[in-house]
Structures are given as C-alpha cells and as structure tokens.
C-alpha cells in the first residue's frame, strides 16, 4: 500500500475531477501513474516520438527538408542565367 501527500490545491483538483468523472481518486492516481511510467520507459528519442509529424506536411514532398538547398540553388541559377 502507498500513501501520497498532496498539497491542498492538488487535493482540491483531484476531488473535483473525481466527482466530475465519477471515478475514485485511487483509479485516477493509478491511471496517471501508469501513463507516466509508460511514457518515461519508452526510451524513444524526441525524433522518434514526433517522426510522423515531420517531412511531408504542407508540400506533400517528404524529402523537401533534405533537398531544399539544391532546389534553392537551382532557382537562383535560373533567375540569374538570363
């Protein structure tokens, strides 16, 4: 068994949430602790966590962020070759 001491504000928030969701405080704390432990044990790099958000959003070109220098050089050559 584990006892946890909370400051008055945290206890008030927990009581309020418990009543709103009709859940026991124990169930809420267990769920929160499980989520925290799962999150911290993943050992994923920040890139791995967000990799589905990088790359193709916007242009649809997944390689846009790695080829932008060559594209920029090509556009500048086109502009100044006339």
C-alpha atoms as a PDB file:
ATOM      1  CA  UNK A   1       0.000   0.000   0.000  1.00  0.00           C
ATOM      2  CA  UNK A   2       1.145   3.524  -0.764  1.00  0.00           C
ATOM      3  CA  UNK A   3       0.091   6.794   0.828  1.00  0.00           C
ATOM      4  CA  UNK A   4       0.585  10.020  -1.065  1.00  0.00           C
ATOM      5  CA  UNK A   5       0.592  13.514   0.390  1.00  0.00           C
ATOM      6  CA  UNK A   6      -0.868  16.231  -1.784  1.00  0.00           C
ATOM      7  CA  UNK A   7      -0.942  19.955  -1.242  1.00  0.00           C
ATOM      8  CA  UNK A   8      -4.395  21.448  -0.728  1.00  0.00           C
ATOM      9  CA  UNK A   9      -4.714  22.721  -4.304  1.00  0.00           C
ATOM     10  CA  UNK A  10      -3.804  19.354  -5.846  1.00  0.00           C
ATOM     11  CA  UNK A  11      -6.198  17.574  -3.493  1.00  0.00           C
ATOM     12  CA  UNK A  12      -8.970  20.008  -4.455  1.00  0.00           C
ATOM     13  CA  UNK A  13      -8.325  19.376  -8.161  1.00  0.00           C
ATOM     14  CA  UNK A  14      -8.299  15.620  -7.627  1.00  0.00           C
ATOM     15  CA  UNK A  15     -11.558  15.716  -5.664  1.00  0.00           C
ATOM     16  CA  UNK A  16     -13.208  17.883  -8.305  1.00  0.00           C
ATOM     17  CA  UNK A  17     -12.044  15.681 -11.175  1.00  0.00           C
ATOM     18  CA  UNK A  18     -13.114  12.562  -9.298  1.00  0.00           C
ATOM     19  CA  UNK A  19     -16.635  13.918  -8.872  1.00  0.00           C
ATOM     20  CA  UNK A  20     -16.895  15.179 -12.461  1.00  0.00           C
ATOM     21  CA  UNK A  21     -15.814  11.860 -13.976  1.00  0.00           C
ATOM     22  CA  UNK A  22     -17.478   9.699 -11.340  1.00  0.00           C
ATOM     23  CA  UNK A  23     -14.198   7.874 -10.704  1.00  0.00           C
ATOM     24  CA  UNK A  24     -12.466   7.033  -7.475  1.00  0.00           C
ATOM     25  CA  UNK A  25      -9.362   9.017  -6.574  1.00  0.00           C
ATOM     26  CA  UNK A  26      -7.472   5.725  -6.442  1.00  0.00           C
ATOM     27  CA  UNK A  27      -8.455   4.869 -10.025  1.00  0.00           C
ATOM     28  CA  UNK A  28      -7.366   8.310 -11.231  1.00  0.00           C
ATOM     29  CA  UNK A  29      -3.992   8.129  -9.479  1.00  0.00           C
ATOM     30  CA  UNK A  30      -3.359   4.582 -10.762  1.00  0.00           C
ATOM     31  CA  UNK A  31      -4.174   5.619 -14.335  1.00  0.00           C
ATOM     32  CA  UNK A  32      -1.999   8.708 -14.120  1.00  0.00           C
ATOM     33  CA  UNK A  33       0.908   6.746 -12.658  1.00  0.00           C
ATOM     34  CA  UNK A  34       0.595   4.060 -15.343  1.00  0.00           C
ATOM     35  CA  UNK A  35       0.589   6.705 -18.087  1.00  0.00           C
ATOM     36  CA  UNK A  36       3.623   8.426 -16.564  1.00  0.00           C
ATOM     37  CA  UNK A  37       5.614   5.215 -16.196  1.00  0.00           C
ATOM     38  CA  UNK A  38       4.767   4.078 -19.717  1.00  0.00           C
ATOM     39  CA  UNK A  39       5.789   7.432 -21.146  1.00  0.00           C
ATOM     40  CA  UNK A  40       9.105   7.571 -19.309  1.00  0.00           C
ATOM     41  CA  UNK A  41      10.070   3.963 -20.065  1.00  0.00           C
ATOM     42  CA  UNK A  42       9.750   4.175 -23.853  1.00  0.00           C
ATOM     43  CA  UNK A  43      13.381   5.248 -24.395  1.00  0.00           C
ATOM     44  CA  UNK A  44      12.418   6.911 -27.670  1.00  0.00           C
ATOM     45  CA  UNK A  45      14.366   9.867 -28.954  1.00  0.00           C
ATOM     46  CA  UNK A  46      12.492  13.124 -29.480  1.00  0.00           C
ATOM     47  CA  UNK A  47      12.701  12.442 -33.228  1.00  0.00           C
ATOM     48  CA  UNK A  48      11.102   9.002 -32.840  1.00  0.00           C
ATOM     49  CA  UNK A  49       8.246  10.478 -30.819  1.00  0.00           C
ATOM     50  CA  UNK A  50       7.434  13.076 -33.494  1.00  0.00           C
ATOM     51  CA  UNK A  51       8.644  11.448 -36.710  1.00  0.00           C
ATOM     52  CA  UNK A  52       5.116  11.075 -38.095  1.00  0.00           C
ATOM     53  CA  UNK A  53       4.803  14.879 -37.881  1.00  0.00           C
ATOM     54  CA  UNK A  54       7.979  15.688 -39.854  1.00  0.00           C
ATOM     55  CA  UNK A  55       8.566  15.906 -43.566  1.00  0.00           C
ATOM     56  CA  UNK A  56       5.627  15.846 -45.925  1.00  0.00           C
ATOM     57  CA  UNK A  57       3.117  18.061 -44.143  1.00  0.00           C
ATOM     58  CA  UNK A  58       2.273  21.001 -46.332  1.00  0.00           C
ATOM     59  CA  UNK A  59       4.067  20.295 -49.599  1.00  0.00           C
ATOM     60  CA  UNK A  60       3.415  16.566 -49.784  1.00  0.00           C
ATOM     61  CA  UNK A  61       7.111  16.066 -50.515  1.00  0.00           C
ATOM     62  CA  UNK A  62       8.738  14.021 -47.757  1.00  0.00           C
ATOM     63  CA  UNK A  63      12.250  14.946 -48.958  1.00  0.00           C
ATOM     64  CA  UNK A  64      11.647  18.690 -49.089  1.00  0.00           C
ATOM     65  CA  UNK A  65      13.520  19.326 -45.871  1.00  0.00           C
ATOM     66  CA  UNK A  66      16.635  17.474 -47.094  1.00  0.00           C
ATOM     67  CA  UNK A  67      16.760  18.804 -50.672  1.00  0.00           C
ATOM     68  CA  UNK A  68      15.901  22.444 -50.087  1.00  0.00           C
ATOM     69  CA  UNK A  69      19.493  23.672 -50.641  1.00  0.00           C
ATOM     70  CA  UNK A  70      19.806  22.155 -54.098  1.00  0.00           C
ATOM     71  CA  UNK A  71      16.338  23.425 -55.046  1.00  0.00           C
ATOM     72  CA  UNK A  72      17.243  26.913 -53.878  1.00  0.00           C
ATOM     73  CA  UNK A  73      20.498  26.865 -55.876  1.00  0.00           C
ATOM     74  CA  UNK A  74      18.626  25.733 -58.997  1.00  0.00           C
ATOM     75  CA  UNK A  75      16.083  28.544 -58.653  1.00  0.00           C
ATOM     76  CA  UNK A  76      18.834  31.130 -58.175  1.00  0.00           C
ATOM     77  CA  UNK A  77      20.715  29.839 -61.239  1.00  0.00           C
ATOM     78  CA  UNK A  78      17.519  30.056 -63.304  1.00  0.00           C
ATOM     79  CA  UNK A  79      16.861  33.590 -62.139  1.00  0.00           C
ATOM     80  CA  UNK A  80      20.380  34.889 -62.824  1.00  0.00           C
ATOM     81  CA  UNK A  81      21.167  32.940 -66.003  1.00  0.00           C
ATOM     82  CA  UNK A  82      19.221  35.313 -68.297  1.00  0.00           C
END
